[in-house]
Amino acid sequence: MSIKRTDVLRIAVLASGRGSNLQAIIDAIEAGTVQAKIAAVISNKKDSPALERASRHGLSGFFVDPKPHASESDSRGSYDRALLSVLRQHDVELVLLAGYMKIVTKVLVEAFANRMMNIHPSLLPSFPGLDVQKKAIDWGCKVAGCTVHFVTEGVDEGPIILQAAVPILDGDSADSLAARILVQEHKIYPQAVQLFAEGRLRVEGRRVFIEQGKPAGEAAFGLS
């Protein structure tokens, strides 16, 4: 399938923590390199710095409390239905997960099929999940990196949109490697959003094709 659009893309960002990738998206929009509008920033954490970032930039921020859903038999699905209501109220077309520390259910995956992205700090399919920089070092990998992918029900299993590679240095710790990877995350996540906004992403099964050539930027698909 090909994802095309002609108007300004309305996006929502789901974040649990500091929101550095949210800031990268905000900066790119304000700089004019991403043609999109952030319609909502949503967090499952009341005191999330991501909501503070949204407020500083005049964006609509929402805390959706997980506690009222905890007692339900399908607590995760119930919570995602609450999220979906907020997303629909704001006419959101693309959802971005940015340090969002909850596993989304099929409620959101089906509503935003091939319209929900995540960024993960490894070169998927290697090292899904958590503590990925330590795992890459422990395995003796020579290269690490980050991946923007569409979200499916499987954790970190969706079709890959963009990747950036970062060499692992002999003296690297998990923290030093994570810091260098984060620099590349801030580059390729806005790139992926702009590709979507331009209608240049075509999804066929597990593969994502970028129409009219690859995006500019030496970080994408290469060593930095």
Protein backbone atom coordinates (compact mmCIF):
# COMPACT_ATOMS: atom_id res chain seq x y z
CA MET A 1 0.00 0.00 0.00
CA SER A 2 1.09 3.58 -0.59
CA ILE A 3 0.50 6.25 2.04
CA LYS A 4 -0.30 9.59 0.39
CA ARG A 5 -1.69 12.87 1.60
CA THR A 6 -2.16 16.43 0.35
CA ASP A 7 -2.91 18.57 3.46
CA VAL A 8 -0.98 19.38 6.65
CA LEU A 9 -0.34 16.22 8.63
CA ARG A 10 -1.89 16.17 12.10
CA ILE A 11 0.22 14.13 14.50
CA ALA A 12 0.06 13.09 18.13
CA VAL A 13 3.07 12.17 20.25
CA LEU A 14 2.79 9.61 23.05
CA ALA A 15 5.58 9.99 25.60
CA SER A 16 6.29 8.82 29.13
CA GLY A 17 9.59 10.46 29.96
CA ARG A 18 11.82 13.40 29.15
CA GLY A 19 10.55 13.81 25.60
CA SER A 20 13.81 14.45 23.76
CA ASN A 21 12.48 12.90 20.56
CA LEU A 22 9.32 14.97 20.98
CA GLN A 23 11.58 18.03 21.15
CA ALA A 24 13.35 16.95 17.96
CA ILE A 25 9.98 16.76 16.18
CA ILE A 26 8.91 20.15 17.58
CA ASP A 27 12.20 21.73 16.49
CA ALA A 28 11.91 20.29 12.99
CA ILE A 29 8.35 21.57 12.61
CA GLU A 30 9.32 25.01 13.88
CA ALA A 31 12.31 25.05 11.50
CA GLY A 32 10.06 24.16 8.57
CA THR A 33 11.80 20.88 7.74
CA VAL A 34 8.76 18.83 8.76
CA GLN A 35 5.40 19.91 7.36
CA ALA A 36 3.11 18.78 10.15
CA LYS A 37 1.13 20.02 13.13
CA ILE A 38 1.31 18.45 16.58
CA ALA A 39 -2.36 18.18 17.50
CA ALA A 40 -1.78 16.50 20.87
CA VAL A 41 0.96 15.35 23.23
CA ILE A 42 -0.27 12.55 25.46
CA SER A 43 1.40 10.93 28.46
CA ASN A 44 0.60 8.17 30.92
CA LYS A 45 2.71 10.05 33.49
CA LYS A 46 1.18 13.11 35.13
CA ASP A 47 4.54 14.80 35.72
CA SER A 48 6.15 13.80 32.46
CA PRO A 49 8.71 16.36 31.20
CA ALA A 50 7.20 15.73 27.75
CA LEU A 51 4.02 17.51 28.88
CA GLU A 52 6.13 20.40 30.13
CA ARG A 53 7.79 20.64 26.72
CA ALA A 54 4.38 20.69 25.07
CA SER A 55 3.24 23.51 27.33
CA ARG A 56 6.35 25.58 26.62
CA HIS A 57 5.61 25.38 22.90
CA GLY A 58 1.89 26.12 23.22
CA LEU A 59 0.86 22.57 22.32
CA SER A 60 -2.12 20.70 23.72
CA GLY A 61 -0.94 18.23 26.36
CA PHE A 62 -3.01 15.49 27.96
CA PHE A 63 -2.42 13.18 30.91
CA VAL A 64 -4.46 10.01 30.46
CA ASP A 65 -4.43 8.28 33.83
CA PRO A 66 -3.97 4.48 33.68
CA LYS A 67 -5.32 3.93 37.21
CA PRO A 68 -9.07 3.98 36.39
CA HIS A 69 -8.44 1.15 33.91
CA ALA A 70 -6.28 -1.04 36.14
CA SER A 71 -9.18 -2.96 37.67
CA GLU A 72 -10.70 -3.98 34.35
CA SER A 73 -10.08 -7.46 32.94
CA ASP A 74 -8.72 -5.92 29.73
CA SER A 75 -6.89 -3.05 31.40
CA ARG A 76 -4.48 -2.34 28.55
CA GLY A 77 -7.23 -2.43 25.94
CA SER A 78 -9.43 -0.22 28.10
CA TYR A 79 -6.61 2.31 28.45
CA ASP A 80 -5.94 2.32 24.73
CA ARG A 81 -9.62 2.95 24.04
CA ALA A 82 -9.34 6.05 26.21
CA LEU A 83 -6.28 7.13 24.20
CA LEU A 84 -8.11 6.45 20.95
CA SER A 85 -10.94 8.74 22.05
CA VAL A 86 -8.48 11.61 22.58
CA LEU A 87 -6.77 10.93 19.26
CA ARG A 88 -10.04 10.96 17.38
CA GLN A 89 -11.21 14.13 19.12
CA HIS A 90 -8.13 15.88 17.70
CA ASP A 91 -8.36 14.39 14.19
CA VAL A 92 -4.95 12.75 14.52
CA GLU A 93 -3.64 11.07 11.39
CA LEU A 94 -0.22 9.83 12.53
CA VAL A 95 0.75 8.68 16.02
CA LEU A 96 4.37 8.83 17.18
CA LEU A 97 5.64 6.83 20.14
CA ALA A 98 8.54 8.71 21.71
CA GLY A 99 9.82 7.05 24.86
CA TYR A 100 6.31 5.74 25.50
CA MET A 101 6.75 3.05 28.14
CA LYS A 102 3.58 1.08 27.56
CA ILE A 103 2.94 -1.71 25.06
CA VAL A 104 0.13 -0.66 22.77
CA THR A 105 -2.67 -3.12 22.03
CA LYS A 106 -4.53 -4.00 18.86
CA VAL A 107 -7.04 -1.28 19.77
CA LEU A 108 -4.53 1.35 18.62
CA VAL A 109 -2.63 -0.84 16.17
CA GLU A 110 -5.76 -1.56 14.14
CA ALA A 111 -7.06 2.02 14.32
CA PHE A 112 -3.71 3.38 13.11
CA ALA A 113 -2.42 0.58 10.92
CA ASN A 114 0.68 1.87 9.11
CA ARG A 115 -0.05 5.23 10.74
CA MET A 116 1.77 4.73 14.04
CA MET A 117 5.57 4.97 14.32
CA ASN A 118 8.07 4.13 17.03
CA ILE A 119 11.79 4.77 17.36
CA HIS A 120 13.94 2.08 18.94
CA PRO A 121 17.63 2.41 19.94
CA SER A 122 18.94 -0.63 18.08
CA LEU A 123 19.24 -1.85 14.51
CA LEU A 124 16.15 -4.00 14.46
CA PRO A 125 15.47 -6.87 14.23
CA SER A 126 18.49 -7.16 16.56
CA PHE A 127 17.84 -6.41 20.22
CA PRO A 128 14.17 -5.55 20.63
CA GLY A 129 12.94 -4.61 24.09
CA LEU A 130 14.97 -2.92 26.84
CA ASP A 131 18.66 -2.45 27.77
CA VAL A 132 19.63 -2.75 24.12
CA GLN A 133 22.90 -0.81 24.27
CA LYS A 134 24.27 -3.08 26.99
CA LYS A 135 23.16 -6.13 25.01
CA ALA A 136 24.92 -4.88 21.87
CA ILE A 137 28.17 -4.31 23.80
CA ASP A 138 27.92 -7.63 25.63
CA TRP A 139 27.43 -9.46 22.33
CA GLY A 140 30.56 -7.85 20.92
CA CYS A 141 28.72 -6.01 18.15
CA LYS A 142 30.81 -3.57 16.13
CA VAL A 143 27.83 -1.47 15.05
CA ALA A 144 24.70 -0.30 16.86
CA GLY A 145 22.12 2.31 15.93
CA CYS A 146 18.45 3.15 15.87
CA THR A 147 15.35 2.25 13.88
CA VAL A 148 12.11 4.02 13.03
CA HIS A 149 9.40 1.48 12.32
CA PHE A 150 5.66 1.20 11.99
CA VAL A 151 4.02 -0.27 15.09
CA THR A 152 2.40 -3.70 15.07
CA GLU A 153 1.16 -5.89 17.92
CA GLY A 154 4.58 -7.54 18.22
CA VAL A 155 7.03 -5.52 20.30
CA ASP A 156 9.53 -3.76 18.00
CA GLU A 157 8.52 -6.01 15.10
CA GLY A 158 6.88 -3.59 12.66
CA PRO A 159 8.06 -2.72 9.13
CA ILE A 160 11.29 -0.71 9.18
CA ILE A 161 11.17 2.83 7.77
CA LEU A 162 14.64 4.28 8.47
CA GLN A 163 17.77 3.21 10.28
CA ALA A 164 20.98 4.96 11.32
CA ALA A 165 24.15 3.12 12.28
CA VAL A 166 26.62 4.10 14.99
CA PRO A 167 29.98 2.34 15.50
CA ILE A 168 30.58 0.80 18.90
CA LEU A 169 33.89 2.04 20.30
CA ASP A 170 36.21 -0.07 22.43
CA GLY A 171 35.68 2.13 25.49
CA ASP A 172 31.92 2.48 25.14
CA SER A 173 29.60 2.01 28.09
CA ALA A 174 25.88 1.54 27.65
CA ASP A 175 25.40 5.22 28.54
CA SER A 176 28.00 6.61 26.14
CA LEU A 177 26.68 4.47 23.31
CA ALA A 178 23.10 5.47 24.10
CA ALA A 179 24.06 9.15 23.98
CA ARG A 180 25.56 8.82 20.49
CA ILE A 181 22.60 6.81 19.26
CA LEU A 182 20.23 9.47 20.61
CA VAL A 183 21.84 12.08 18.35
CA GLN A 184 20.87 9.94 15.35
CA GLU A 185 17.37 9.30 16.71
CA HIS A 186 16.80 13.05 16.68
CA LYS A 187 17.76 13.11 13.00
CA ILE A 188 15.90 10.16 11.53
CA TYR A 189 12.60 10.43 13.43
CA PRO A 190 11.77 13.84 11.90
CA GLN A 191 12.93 12.49 8.51
CA ALA A 192 10.48 9.61 8.78
CA VAL A 193 7.62 11.93 9.71
CA GLN A 194 8.38 14.17 6.73
CA LEU A 195 8.48 11.18 4.38
CA PHE A 196 5.04 10.20 5.64
CA ALA A 197 3.79 13.78 5.26
CA GLU A 198 5.02 13.81 1.66
CA GLY A 199 3.26 10.53 0.89
CA ARG A 200 6.53 8.84 -0.01
CA LEU A 201 6.18 5.67 2.09
CA ARG A 202 4.90 2.51 0.45
CA VAL A 203 4.33 -0.56 2.64
CA GLU A 204 4.42 -4.05 1.13
CA GLY A 205 4.27 -6.76 3.77
CA ARG A 206 7.26 -6.28 6.06
CA ARG A 207 9.03 -3.87 3.70
CA VAL A 208 8.72 -0.09 3.49
CA PHE A 209 9.75 1.49 0.21
CA ILE A 210 10.66 5.17 -0.06
CA GLU A 211 9.37 6.57 -3.32
CA GLN A 212 11.44 9.06 -5.37
CA GLY A 213 14.70 8.11 -3.71
CA LYS A 214 16.14 8.13 -0.22
CA PRO A 215 15.98 11.16 2.08
CA ALA A 216 18.91 13.50 2.39
CA GLY A 217 21.17 13.09 5.43
CA GLU A 218 24.25 10.96 5.85
CA ALA A 219 22.92 9.33 9.02
CA ALA A 220 20.18 7.36 7.27
CA PHE A 221 21.25 3.91 6.08
CA GLY A 222 24.92 4.55 6.88
CA LEU A 223 27.62 4.90 9.47
CA SER A 224 27.86 8.23 11.29
